[in-house]
Amino acid sequence: MNTATETAPNTKPILVLGGTGKTGARVATRLQALGRPVRIGSRKGVPPFDWEDRSTWAPVLRGAEAVYITFQPDLAVPGAVDAVRSFAAQAVASGIGHLVLLSGRGEAEAEEAERAIQASGADWTILRASWFAQNFSESFLIDGVLDGTVVLPVGDVGEPFIDVADIADVAVAALTEPGHRGKLYELTGPRLLSFTQAVAEIAAASGRDIRLERVAPQDYARMLEQAGVPEDYTGLLIYLFTTVLDGRNASLADGVQLVLGRPPRDFGDYARETAAAGIWTPEVRTAAGAAE
């Protein structure tokens, strides 16, 4: 190892794709707090980045040191693996030395994307994460929580929900500390919860009557169609709930402990903190929306 290189001041930016998203925004904030230059990869970034417009890739890669890669909406969507493979090749051609990929646990397509990163020629770190706790507060599940009924085509299978703050902490460590290159970390929370139990913990933390209503996949798809959800996104959700959440991920992993030297954050802590912030209080959310 070249110690001089490891200890030299870092002046090249770290590119954070999805830098305004659930994990990306947190990764960017943490890197900036460490004094590391950050370039946000998003449609509104400067320069802009768009997975669907490959002409935007070269400008955001130019001069960067490393990249944190997230793919929206999910690595399981058609074309995602090819896009990640092509982006990785362009990153290597641009002189990028380290790629950190946020992957999905239990998804065959995500594992194919992992292999593309591993074969890219760059140093790599894979973060294979379980279901985000923040999907209940920063994604599509929040509407059901606010309405008091979370409708999902899911069974009693346990899921080790991961707090995205833990993912961000691991990503920053991988991007800034030695010892994480060539490593694949599985990131989960500290215990298994069914969606029924997760919703019950949210209800208890917020002091509201919130329940999970299970429906058949075809009924859920019909409900999404009536709500105007695009067909491809509906297909993705059905895949995630009926295939990925079939029990294959009902186990705990030690990635957070290995990287950070501490246990992952518990879902109950996430629920209490989120409830205290008023995010699941309809009146607070309505007032906040009116003020925007």
Protein backbone atom coordinates (compact mmCIF):
# COMPACT_ATOMS: atom_id res chain seq x y z
CA MET A 1 0.00 0.00 0.00
CA ASN A 2 1.24 3.47 -0.89
CA THR A 3 1.06 5.27 2.45
CA ALA A 4 1.78 8.63 0.89
CA THR A 5 -1.22 8.24 -1.39
CA GLU A 6 -3.43 7.16 1.49
CA THR A 7 -2.53 10.19 3.60
CA ALA A 8 -2.36 12.85 0.86
CA PRO A 9 -5.05 15.54 0.89
CA ASN A 10 -8.12 14.53 -1.10
CA THR A 11 -8.98 17.23 -3.60
CA LYS A 12 -10.88 15.15 -6.14
CA PRO A 13 -14.64 14.96 -5.58
CA ILE A 14 -16.53 11.81 -4.72
CA LEU A 15 -19.47 11.42 -7.08
CA VAL A 16 -22.68 10.44 -5.28
CA LEU A 17 -25.30 9.16 -7.71
CA GLY A 18 -28.80 9.64 -6.42
CA GLY A 19 -27.34 12.36 -4.23
CA THR A 20 -30.78 13.69 -3.32
CA GLY A 21 -32.27 10.27 -2.51
CA LYS A 22 -32.72 8.34 0.71
CA THR A 23 -29.16 7.05 1.00
CA GLY A 24 -27.38 9.41 -1.39
CA ALA A 25 -28.35 12.60 0.42
CA ARG A 26 -27.12 11.15 3.70
CA VAL A 27 -23.88 9.95 2.14
CA ALA A 28 -23.25 13.38 0.63
CA THR A 29 -23.93 15.16 3.92
CA ARG A 30 -21.58 12.88 5.83
CA LEU A 31 -18.81 13.25 3.28
CA GLN A 32 -19.14 17.03 3.36
CA ALA A 33 -18.97 16.95 7.17
CA LEU A 34 -15.64 15.15 6.80
CA GLY A 35 -14.41 17.92 4.54
CA ARG A 36 -14.46 15.74 1.43
CA PRO A 37 -15.39 17.33 -1.91
CA VAL A 38 -18.70 15.95 -3.18
CA ARG A 39 -20.37 16.03 -6.57
CA ILE A 40 -24.10 15.30 -6.57
CA GLY A 41 -25.28 13.04 -9.39
CA SER A 42 -28.91 13.94 -10.11
CA ARG A 43 -31.01 15.50 -12.83
CA LYS A 44 -30.79 18.84 -11.02
CA GLY A 45 -27.10 18.50 -10.20
CA VAL A 46 -24.34 20.61 -11.72
CA PRO A 47 -23.51 19.08 -14.10
CA PRO A 48 -26.75 17.07 -14.36
CA PHE A 49 -26.82 13.28 -14.35
CA ASP A 50 -29.51 11.04 -15.79
CA TRP A 51 -29.28 7.25 -16.06
CA GLU A 52 -31.41 7.43 -19.21
CA ASP A 53 -29.22 10.04 -20.92
CA ARG A 54 -25.73 8.62 -21.37
CA SER A 55 -24.42 11.94 -22.66
CA THR A 56 -24.61 13.17 -19.04
CA TRP A 57 -22.27 10.48 -17.71
CA ALA A 58 -18.90 11.80 -18.86
CA PRO A 59 -19.30 15.31 -17.36
CA VAL A 60 -20.14 14.04 -13.86
CA LEU A 61 -17.33 11.48 -13.95
CA ARG A 62 -14.66 13.92 -15.09
CA GLY A 63 -12.03 14.41 -12.40
CA ALA A 64 -13.84 12.36 -9.74
CA GLU A 65 -12.00 10.03 -7.37
CA ALA A 66 -14.69 7.48 -6.55
CA VAL A 67 -18.40 6.88 -7.11
CA TYR A 68 -21.25 5.83 -4.86
CA ILE A 69 -23.68 4.12 -7.23
CA THR A 70 -27.42 3.86 -6.65
CA PHE A 71 -29.88 3.00 -9.39
CA GLN A 72 -33.44 4.28 -9.37
CA PRO A 73 -35.99 2.94 -8.97
CA ASP A 74 -34.32 -0.46 -8.48
CA LEU A 75 -31.69 -2.72 -10.00
CA ALA A 76 -34.46 -5.18 -10.86
CA VAL A 77 -35.98 -2.98 -13.58
CA PRO A 78 -35.28 -3.90 -17.22
CA GLY A 79 -32.12 -2.29 -18.53
CA ALA A 80 -30.66 -1.54 -15.10
CA VAL A 81 -27.85 -4.09 -15.24
CA ASP A 82 -26.78 -2.98 -18.71
CA ALA A 83 -26.78 0.66 -17.59
CA VAL A 84 -24.66 -0.13 -14.52
CA ARG A 85 -22.23 -2.20 -16.59
CA SER A 86 -21.87 0.58 -19.18
CA PHE A 87 -21.51 3.25 -16.52
CA ALA A 88 -18.81 1.26 -14.73
CA ALA A 89 -16.87 0.86 -17.97
CA GLN A 90 -17.07 4.58 -18.63
CA ALA A 91 -16.04 5.32 -15.04
CA VAL A 92 -12.93 3.17 -15.39
CA ALA A 93 -12.10 4.81 -18.72
CA SER A 94 -12.40 8.16 -16.95
CA GLY A 95 -9.85 7.13 -14.33
CA ILE A 96 -12.20 6.38 -11.45
CA GLY A 97 -10.42 4.14 -8.95
CA HIS A 98 -13.20 2.95 -6.64
CA LEU A 99 -16.87 2.05 -7.19
CA VAL A 100 -19.23 1.49 -4.25
CA LEU A 101 -22.52 -0.10 -5.33
CA LEU A 102 -25.72 -0.11 -3.31
CA SER A 103 -27.31 -3.46 -4.14
CA GLY A 104 -30.50 -5.24 -3.15
CA ARG A 105 -30.61 -8.34 -1.01
CA GLY A 106 -32.20 -11.39 -2.58
CA GLU A 107 -32.50 -9.93 -6.10
CA ALA A 108 -30.99 -11.93 -8.95
CA GLU A 109 -30.73 -8.80 -11.11
CA ALA A 110 -28.92 -6.92 -8.35
CA GLU A 111 -26.39 -9.73 -8.05
CA GLU A 112 -25.81 -9.51 -11.80
CA ALA A 113 -25.11 -5.79 -11.38
CA GLU A 114 -22.69 -6.65 -8.58
CA ARG A 115 -20.79 -8.95 -10.91
CA ALA A 116 -20.62 -6.18 -13.51
CA ILE A 117 -19.02 -3.85 -10.95
CA GLN A 118 -16.61 -6.56 -9.80
CA ALA A 119 -15.53 -7.19 -13.40
CA SER A 120 -15.16 -3.50 -14.26
CA GLY A 121 -11.46 -3.23 -13.51
CA ALA A 122 -11.93 -0.68 -10.72
CA ASP A 123 -11.60 -1.37 -7.01
CA TRP A 124 -15.07 -2.12 -5.71
CA THR A 125 -17.19 -2.43 -2.59
CA ILE A 126 -20.68 -3.94 -2.64
CA LEU A 127 -23.34 -2.95 -0.09
CA ARG A 128 -26.14 -5.52 -0.33
CA ALA A 129 -28.96 -4.03 1.73
CA SER A 130 -32.27 -5.35 3.02
CA TRP A 131 -35.58 -3.44 2.89
CA PHE A 132 -35.25 0.19 3.99
CA ALA A 133 -37.07 1.22 7.17
CA GLN A 134 -37.45 4.66 5.59
CA ASN A 135 -39.76 3.25 2.92
CA PHE A 136 -42.43 3.86 5.55
CA SER A 137 -41.56 7.55 5.90
CA GLU A 138 -39.74 8.71 2.76
CA SER A 139 -41.28 6.55 0.04
CA PHE A 140 -44.53 5.09 -1.25
CA LEU A 141 -45.62 3.47 2.03
CA ILE A 142 -46.03 6.80 3.82
CA ASP A 143 -49.43 7.44 2.24
CA GLY A 144 -50.87 4.30 3.79
CA VAL A 145 -49.35 5.15 7.17
CA LEU A 146 -50.95 8.60 7.05
CA ASP A 147 -54.29 7.14 5.97
CA GLY A 148 -54.20 4.58 8.78
CA THR A 149 -54.20 1.52 6.51
CA VAL A 150 -51.11 0.16 4.77
CA VAL A 151 -52.32 -2.08 1.95
CA LEU A 152 -49.77 -4.62 0.68
CA PRO A 153 -49.63 -8.03 -1.03
CA VAL A 154 -47.33 -9.48 1.61
CA GLY A 155 -47.42 -12.43 3.98
CA ASP A 156 -46.00 -13.05 7.45
CA VAL A 157 -42.41 -13.40 6.31
CA GLY A 158 -39.81 -11.66 8.47
CA GLU A 159 -37.67 -8.86 7.04
CA PRO A 160 -34.57 -7.39 8.77
CA PHE A 161 -35.41 -3.74 8.02
CA ILE A 162 -32.28 -1.59 7.70
CA ASP A 163 -32.07 2.08 8.66
CA VAL A 164 -30.71 4.07 5.73
CA ALA A 165 -28.55 6.05 8.17
CA ASP A 166 -26.61 2.82 8.75
CA ILE A 167 -26.25 2.31 5.00
CA ALA A 168 -24.90 5.85 4.66
CA ASP A 169 -22.42 5.35 7.48
CA VAL A 170 -21.16 2.13 5.88
CA ALA A 171 -20.93 3.76 2.45
CA VAL A 172 -18.91 6.67 3.79
CA ALA A 173 -16.55 4.29 5.57
CA ALA A 174 -16.12 2.30 2.36
CA LEU A 175 -15.43 5.47 0.38
CA THR A 176 -13.00 7.10 2.81
CA GLU A 177 -11.31 4.41 4.90
CA PRO A 178 -8.84 1.67 3.97
CA GLY A 179 -9.73 -1.99 4.17
CA HIS A 180 -13.08 -2.09 2.36
CA ARG A 181 -12.03 -2.57 -1.25
CA GLY A 182 -12.89 -5.95 -2.70
CA LYS A 183 -15.47 -6.55 0.07
CA LEU A 184 -19.17 -7.42 -0.15
CA TYR A 185 -21.16 -6.46 2.93
CA GLU A 186 -24.70 -7.65 3.64
CA LEU A 187 -26.49 -4.92 5.57
CA THR A 188 -29.53 -5.72 7.70
CA GLY A 189 -31.19 -4.50 10.84
CA PRO A 190 -30.76 -6.36 14.15
CA ARG A 191 -34.02 -8.33 14.12
CA LEU A 192 -36.69 -9.79 11.86
CA LEU A 193 -40.08 -8.12 11.66
CA SER A 194 -43.09 -8.97 9.55
CA PHE A 195 -44.76 -6.03 7.85
CA THR A 196 -47.64 -6.47 10.30
CA GLN A 197 -45.22 -6.08 13.21
CA ALA A 198 -43.47 -3.13 11.59
CA VAL A 199 -46.75 -1.30 11.08
CA ALA A 200 -47.73 -2.10 14.67
CA GLU A 201 -44.49 -0.53 15.93
CA ILE A 202 -45.17 2.57 13.84
CA ALA A 203 -48.69 2.74 15.30
CA ALA A 204 -47.37 2.44 18.86
CA ALA A 205 -44.67 5.06 18.30
CA SER A 206 -47.05 7.56 16.71
CA GLY A 207 -49.98 6.90 19.03
CA ARG A 208 -52.27 6.32 16.07
CA ASP A 209 -54.50 3.50 14.88
CA ILE A 210 -52.60 2.11 11.88
CA ARG A 211 -53.04 -1.38 10.51
CA LEU A 212 -51.76 -3.56 7.71
CA GLU A 213 -54.33 -4.86 5.23
CA ARG A 214 -53.18 -7.78 3.11
CA VAL A 215 -54.48 -8.13 -0.42
CA ALA A 216 -53.84 -10.49 -3.31
CA PRO A 217 -51.16 -9.37 -5.78
CA GLN A 218 -53.69 -8.94 -8.59
CA ASP A 219 -55.86 -6.74 -6.38
CA TYR A 220 -52.84 -4.66 -5.39
CA ALA A 221 -51.88 -4.24 -9.04
CA ARG A 222 -55.43 -3.15 -9.85
CA MET A 223 -55.36 -0.65 -6.99
CA LEU A 224 -52.10 0.85 -8.25
CA GLU A 225 -53.44 1.03 -11.78
CA GLN A 226 -56.51 2.92 -10.58
CA ALA A 227 -54.20 5.32 -8.72
CA GLY A 228 -52.36 6.07 -11.96
CA VAL A 229 -49.13 4.29 -11.06
CA PRO A 230 -47.10 3.48 -14.21
CA GLU A 231 -47.28 -0.14 -15.32
CA ASP A 232 -43.52 -0.73 -15.07
CA TYR A 233 -43.41 0.55 -11.48
CA THR A 234 -46.42 -1.58 -10.58
CA GLY A 235 -44.62 -4.60 -12.00
CA LEU A 236 -41.56 -3.80 -9.92
CA LEU A 237 -43.57 -3.59 -6.69
CA ILE A 238 -45.36 -6.86 -7.39
CA TYR A 239 -41.98 -8.50 -8.04
CA LEU A 240 -40.50 -7.16 -4.81
CA PHE A 241 -43.44 -8.18 -2.64
CA THR A 242 -44.17 -11.59 -4.16
CA THR A 243 -40.69 -12.79 -5.14
CA VAL A 244 -38.00 -11.00 -3.14
CA LEU A 245 -40.12 -11.10 0.02
CA ASP A 246 -40.74 -14.84 -0.20
CA GLY A 247 -38.61 -15.62 2.86
CA ARG A 248 -35.21 -15.70 1.17
CA ASN A 249 -34.11 -12.65 3.19
CA ALA A 250 -35.49 -13.77 6.54
CA SER A 251 -32.07 -13.86 8.19
CA LEU A 252 -29.69 -11.40 9.81
CA ALA A 253 -26.28 -10.36 8.52
CA ASP A 254 -23.34 -8.68 10.24
CA GLY A 255 -22.21 -6.12 7.65
CA VAL A 256 -22.96 -3.06 9.77
CA GLN A 257 -21.10 -4.51 12.75
CA LEU A 258 -18.12 -5.49 10.59
CA VAL A 259 -17.72 -2.04 9.08
CA LEU A 260 -18.78 0.27 11.89
CA GLY A 261 -17.93 -1.78 14.96
CA ARG A 262 -21.44 -1.34 16.36
CA PRO A 263 -24.82 -3.04 15.93
CA PRO A 264 -27.28 -1.72 13.37
CA ARG A 265 -30.02 0.62 14.51
CA ASP A 266 -33.26 -1.03 15.62
CA PHE A 267 -36.54 -0.45 13.79
CA GLY A 268 -38.14 0.67 17.04
CA ASP A 269 -35.63 3.51 17.39
CA TYR A 270 -36.34 4.58 13.82
CA ALA A 271 -40.10 4.49 14.46
CA ARG A 272 -39.89 6.57 17.64
CA GLU A 273 -37.60 9.20 16.10
CA THR A 274 -39.71 9.49 12.96
CA ALA A 275 -42.92 9.75 14.96
CA ALA A 276 -41.41 12.44 17.20
CA ALA A 277 -40.58 14.48 14.09
CA GLY A 278 -44.27 14.52 13.17
CA ILE A 279 -43.75 12.80 9.83
CA TRP A 280 -46.59 10.35 10.49
CA THR A 281 -48.95 12.98 11.92
CA PRO A 282 -51.46 13.87 9.17
CA GLU A 283 -52.07 17.38 10.50
CA VAL A 284 -48.36 18.16 10.57
CA ARG A 285 -47.84 16.78 7.06
CA THR A 286 -50.83 18.77 5.73
CA ALA A 287 -49.54 21.97 7.30
CA ALA A 288 -46.04 21.36 5.94
CA GLY A 289 -47.42 20.75 2.46
CA ALA A 290 -49.48 23.94 2.54
CA ALA A 291 -46.42 25.94 3.55
CA GLU A 292 -44.30 24.69 0.64
